[in-house]
N, C-alpha and C. Protein backbone atom coordinates (compact mmCIF):
# COMPACT_ATOMS: atom_id res chain seq x y z
N MET A 1 139.98 2.55 -84.84
CA MET A 1 139.69 2.26 -83.46
C MET A 1 140.29 3.32 -82.54
N SER A 2 141.48 3.77 -82.85
CA SER A 2 142.13 4.76 -82.00
C SER A 2 141.37 6.09 -82.05
N LYS A 3 140.82 6.43 -83.20
CA LYS A 3 140.02 7.66 -83.32
C LYS A 3 138.77 7.56 -82.43
N TYR A 4 138.17 6.39 -82.41
CA TYR A 4 136.99 6.17 -81.58
C TYR A 4 137.32 6.39 -80.11
N ILE A 5 138.42 5.84 -79.66
CA ILE A 5 138.84 5.97 -78.26
C ILE A 5 139.17 7.41 -77.93
N GLU A 6 139.84 8.10 -78.83
CA GLU A 6 140.15 9.52 -78.61
C GLU A 6 138.88 10.34 -78.48
N ASP A 7 137.91 10.07 -79.36
CA ASP A 7 136.63 10.79 -79.29
C ASP A 7 135.89 10.46 -78.00
N LEU A 8 135.93 9.21 -77.61
CA LEU A 8 135.25 8.79 -76.39
C LEU A 8 135.84 9.49 -75.17
N VAL A 9 137.15 9.54 -75.10
CA VAL A 9 137.82 10.18 -73.97
C VAL A 9 137.60 11.68 -73.98
N SER A 10 137.66 12.30 -75.14
CA SER A 10 137.51 13.75 -75.20
C SER A 10 136.08 14.20 -74.93
N ASN A 11 135.11 13.34 -75.19
CA ASN A 11 133.71 13.69 -74.97
C ASN A 11 133.18 13.24 -73.61
N TYR A 12 134.03 12.63 -72.80
CA TYR A 12 133.60 12.14 -71.49
C TYR A 12 133.33 13.31 -70.55
N HIS A 13 132.19 13.26 -69.89
CA HIS A 13 131.84 14.26 -68.88
C HIS A 13 131.53 13.51 -67.60
N GLU A 14 132.11 13.98 -66.53
CA GLU A 14 131.83 13.35 -65.24
C GLU A 14 130.36 13.54 -64.90
N GLU A 15 129.75 12.49 -64.41
CA GLU A 15 128.33 12.55 -64.08
C GLU A 15 128.09 13.55 -62.95
N ASP A 16 127.06 14.32 -63.12
CA ASP A 16 126.70 15.32 -62.13
C ASP A 16 126.22 14.61 -60.86
N TYR A 17 126.77 14.98 -59.73
CA TYR A 17 126.41 14.33 -58.46
C TYR A 17 124.92 14.48 -58.16
N ARG A 18 124.31 15.54 -58.67
CA ARG A 18 122.88 15.75 -58.40
C ARG A 18 122.01 14.68 -59.04
N ASN A 19 122.48 14.09 -60.14
CA ASN A 19 121.69 13.04 -60.78
C ASN A 19 121.51 11.84 -59.87
N LYS A 20 122.57 11.48 -59.15
CA LYS A 20 122.47 10.35 -58.22
C LYS A 20 121.54 10.66 -57.06
N ILE A 21 121.60 11.88 -56.58
CA ILE A 21 120.72 12.29 -55.49
C ILE A 21 119.27 12.28 -55.95
N VAL A 22 119.01 12.80 -57.15
CA VAL A 22 117.65 12.82 -57.68
C VAL A 22 117.14 11.40 -57.87
N PHE A 23 118.02 10.49 -58.31
CA PHE A 23 117.61 9.09 -58.44
C PHE A 23 117.17 8.52 -57.09
N SER A 24 117.91 8.84 -56.05
CA SER A 24 117.53 8.38 -54.70
C SER A 24 116.21 9.00 -54.26
N ILE A 25 116.03 10.27 -54.57
CA ILE A 25 114.77 10.94 -54.23
C ILE A 25 113.61 10.27 -54.94
N MET A 26 113.79 9.95 -56.22
CA MET A 26 112.72 9.28 -56.97
C MET A 26 112.42 7.91 -56.40
N SER A 27 113.44 7.21 -55.94
CA SER A 27 113.22 5.90 -55.33
C SER A 27 112.38 6.02 -54.07
N HIS A 28 112.66 7.02 -53.26
CA HIS A 28 111.86 7.21 -52.04
C HIS A 28 110.41 7.54 -52.38
N ILE A 29 110.20 8.30 -53.43
CA ILE A 29 108.84 8.69 -53.79
C ILE A 29 108.10 7.54 -54.46
N LYS A 30 108.70 6.93 -55.47
CA LYS A 30 107.99 5.93 -56.26
C LYS A 30 107.88 4.57 -55.58
N GLN A 31 108.93 4.13 -54.91
CA GLN A 31 108.91 2.79 -54.34
C GLN A 31 108.35 2.76 -52.92
N GLU A 32 108.64 3.80 -52.15
CA GLU A 32 108.25 3.80 -50.74
C GLU A 32 107.15 4.79 -50.41
N ALA A 33 106.83 5.68 -51.33
CA ALA A 33 105.87 6.77 -51.10
C ALA A 33 106.27 7.57 -49.87
N ASN A 34 107.57 7.78 -49.69
CA ASN A 34 108.11 8.49 -48.54
C ASN A 34 108.53 9.89 -48.98
N PHE A 35 107.56 10.78 -49.06
CA PHE A 35 107.82 12.15 -49.52
C PHE A 35 108.63 12.94 -48.51
N GLU A 36 108.44 12.64 -47.23
CA GLU A 36 109.18 13.37 -46.20
C GLU A 36 110.68 13.10 -46.30
N LYS A 37 111.05 11.85 -46.53
CA LYS A 37 112.47 11.49 -46.69
C LYS A 37 113.03 12.14 -47.96
N ALA A 38 112.24 12.14 -49.03
CA ALA A 38 112.67 12.78 -50.27
C ALA A 38 112.88 14.27 -50.07
N LEU A 39 111.97 14.90 -49.35
CA LEU A 39 112.09 16.33 -49.08
C LEU A 39 113.33 16.62 -48.23
N GLN A 40 113.58 15.78 -47.24
CA GLN A 40 114.76 15.97 -46.40
C GLN A 40 116.05 15.83 -47.21
N MET A 41 116.07 14.90 -48.16
CA MET A 41 117.24 14.76 -49.03
C MET A 41 117.43 16.00 -49.90
N MET A 42 116.32 16.56 -50.38
CA MET A 42 116.42 17.79 -51.17
C MET A 42 117.02 18.92 -50.34
N ILE A 43 116.55 19.07 -49.12
CA ILE A 43 117.02 20.15 -48.25
C ILE A 43 118.48 19.93 -47.87
N ASP A 44 118.82 18.70 -47.51
CA ASP A 44 120.20 18.40 -47.10
C ASP A 44 121.21 18.65 -48.21
N ASN A 45 120.78 18.45 -49.46
CA ASN A 45 121.68 18.60 -50.60
C ASN A 45 121.47 19.91 -51.37
N ASN A 46 120.70 20.81 -50.79
CA ASN A 46 120.43 22.13 -51.39
C ASN A 46 119.89 22.03 -52.82
N LEU A 47 118.96 21.12 -53.02
CA LEU A 47 118.31 20.98 -54.32
C LEU A 47 116.98 21.71 -54.31
N THR A 48 116.67 22.32 -55.43
CA THR A 48 115.38 22.98 -55.57
C THR A 48 114.40 22.03 -56.26
N LEU A 49 113.15 22.42 -56.28
CA LEU A 49 112.16 21.63 -57.03
C LEU A 49 112.53 21.57 -58.50
N GLU A 50 113.04 22.67 -59.02
CA GLU A 50 113.44 22.70 -60.43
C GLU A 50 114.55 21.69 -60.70
N ASP A 51 115.51 21.58 -59.79
CA ASP A 51 116.58 20.59 -59.96
C ASP A 51 116.01 19.18 -60.07
N VAL A 52 115.07 18.87 -59.22
CA VAL A 52 114.49 17.52 -59.20
C VAL A 52 113.64 17.28 -60.44
N ILE A 53 112.78 18.22 -60.77
CA ILE A 53 111.84 18.04 -61.88
C ILE A 53 112.56 17.96 -63.22
N THR A 54 113.59 18.77 -63.41
CA THR A 54 114.28 18.77 -64.71
C THR A 54 115.17 17.55 -64.90
N ARG A 55 115.47 16.83 -63.84
CA ARG A 55 116.35 15.67 -63.96
C ARG A 55 115.60 14.34 -63.98
N THR A 56 114.30 14.37 -64.00
CA THR A 56 113.56 13.12 -64.02
C THR A 56 112.28 13.28 -64.84
N CYS A 57 111.84 12.17 -65.39
CA CYS A 57 110.54 12.16 -66.06
C CYS A 57 109.63 11.12 -65.40
N ARG A 58 110.06 10.60 -64.26
CA ARG A 58 109.31 9.55 -63.57
C ARG A 58 108.20 10.08 -62.68
N LEU A 59 108.22 11.35 -62.37
CA LEU A 59 107.19 11.89 -61.49
C LEU A 59 105.95 12.27 -62.28
N ASP A 60 104.80 11.86 -61.78
CA ASP A 60 103.57 12.33 -62.42
C ASP A 60 103.12 13.60 -61.72
N LEU A 61 102.09 14.22 -62.23
CA LEU A 61 101.64 15.52 -61.73
C LEU A 61 101.24 15.47 -60.26
N ASP A 62 100.61 14.38 -59.84
CA ASP A 62 100.22 14.26 -58.43
C ASP A 62 101.44 14.25 -57.51
N ASP A 63 102.47 13.52 -57.91
CA ASP A 63 103.70 13.47 -57.11
C ASP A 63 104.38 14.83 -57.05
N ILE A 64 104.43 15.51 -58.19
CA ILE A 64 105.07 16.83 -58.24
C ILE A 64 104.32 17.82 -57.36
N SER A 65 102.99 17.82 -57.46
CA SER A 65 102.22 18.78 -56.68
C SER A 65 102.32 18.50 -55.18
N TYR A 66 102.32 17.23 -54.79
CA TYR A 66 102.44 16.90 -53.37
C TYR A 66 103.82 17.27 -52.84
N LEU A 67 104.87 16.97 -53.60
CA LEU A 67 106.23 17.33 -53.20
C LEU A 67 106.38 18.85 -53.14
N ALA A 68 105.81 19.56 -54.10
CA ALA A 68 105.88 21.02 -54.09
C ALA A 68 105.16 21.59 -52.87
N ASP A 69 104.02 21.02 -52.53
CA ASP A 69 103.28 21.48 -51.35
C ASP A 69 104.11 21.29 -50.07
N LEU A 70 104.72 20.13 -49.92
CA LEU A 70 105.58 19.89 -48.76
C LEU A 70 106.76 20.84 -48.73
N TYR A 71 107.36 21.06 -49.89
CA TYR A 71 108.54 21.93 -50.00
C TYR A 71 108.19 23.36 -49.62
N ILE A 72 107.08 23.86 -50.13
CA ILE A 72 106.67 25.23 -49.83
C ILE A 72 106.33 25.38 -48.35
N ASN A 73 105.62 24.42 -47.79
CA ASN A 73 105.29 24.48 -46.37
C ASN A 73 106.53 24.43 -45.50
N LYS A 74 107.50 23.62 -45.87
CA LYS A 74 108.74 23.52 -45.10
C LYS A 74 109.51 24.84 -45.14
N ILE A 75 109.56 25.46 -46.30
CA ILE A 75 110.25 26.75 -46.44
C ILE A 75 109.52 27.82 -45.63
N ARG A 76 108.20 27.82 -45.69
CA ARG A 76 107.40 28.81 -44.97
C ARG A 76 107.59 28.67 -43.46
N ILE A 77 107.67 27.46 -42.96
CA ILE A 77 107.85 27.23 -41.53
C ILE A 77 109.23 27.68 -41.07
N ASN A 78 110.24 27.48 -41.90
CA ASN A 78 111.62 27.82 -41.53
C ASN A 78 111.92 29.31 -41.58
N LYS A 79 111.03 30.11 -42.14
CA LYS A 79 111.28 31.57 -42.22
C LYS A 79 110.99 32.23 -40.91
């Protein structure tokens, strides 16, 4: 039992804060269909599309393409 606890403690990694943010972004997209709020969370937390896409498998292609379109337009406007 002590070996198990030692292994558990030595293998513990603090959860990446971005995972929680991506979970919130997915909730805005999937439950509320609020892409603008999701995009604003991405910008506020300096997340890229790659950060969001690689941390979730809940987005389908339509959601990804719509979010990417909003993201690109927002970046283009801010330049």
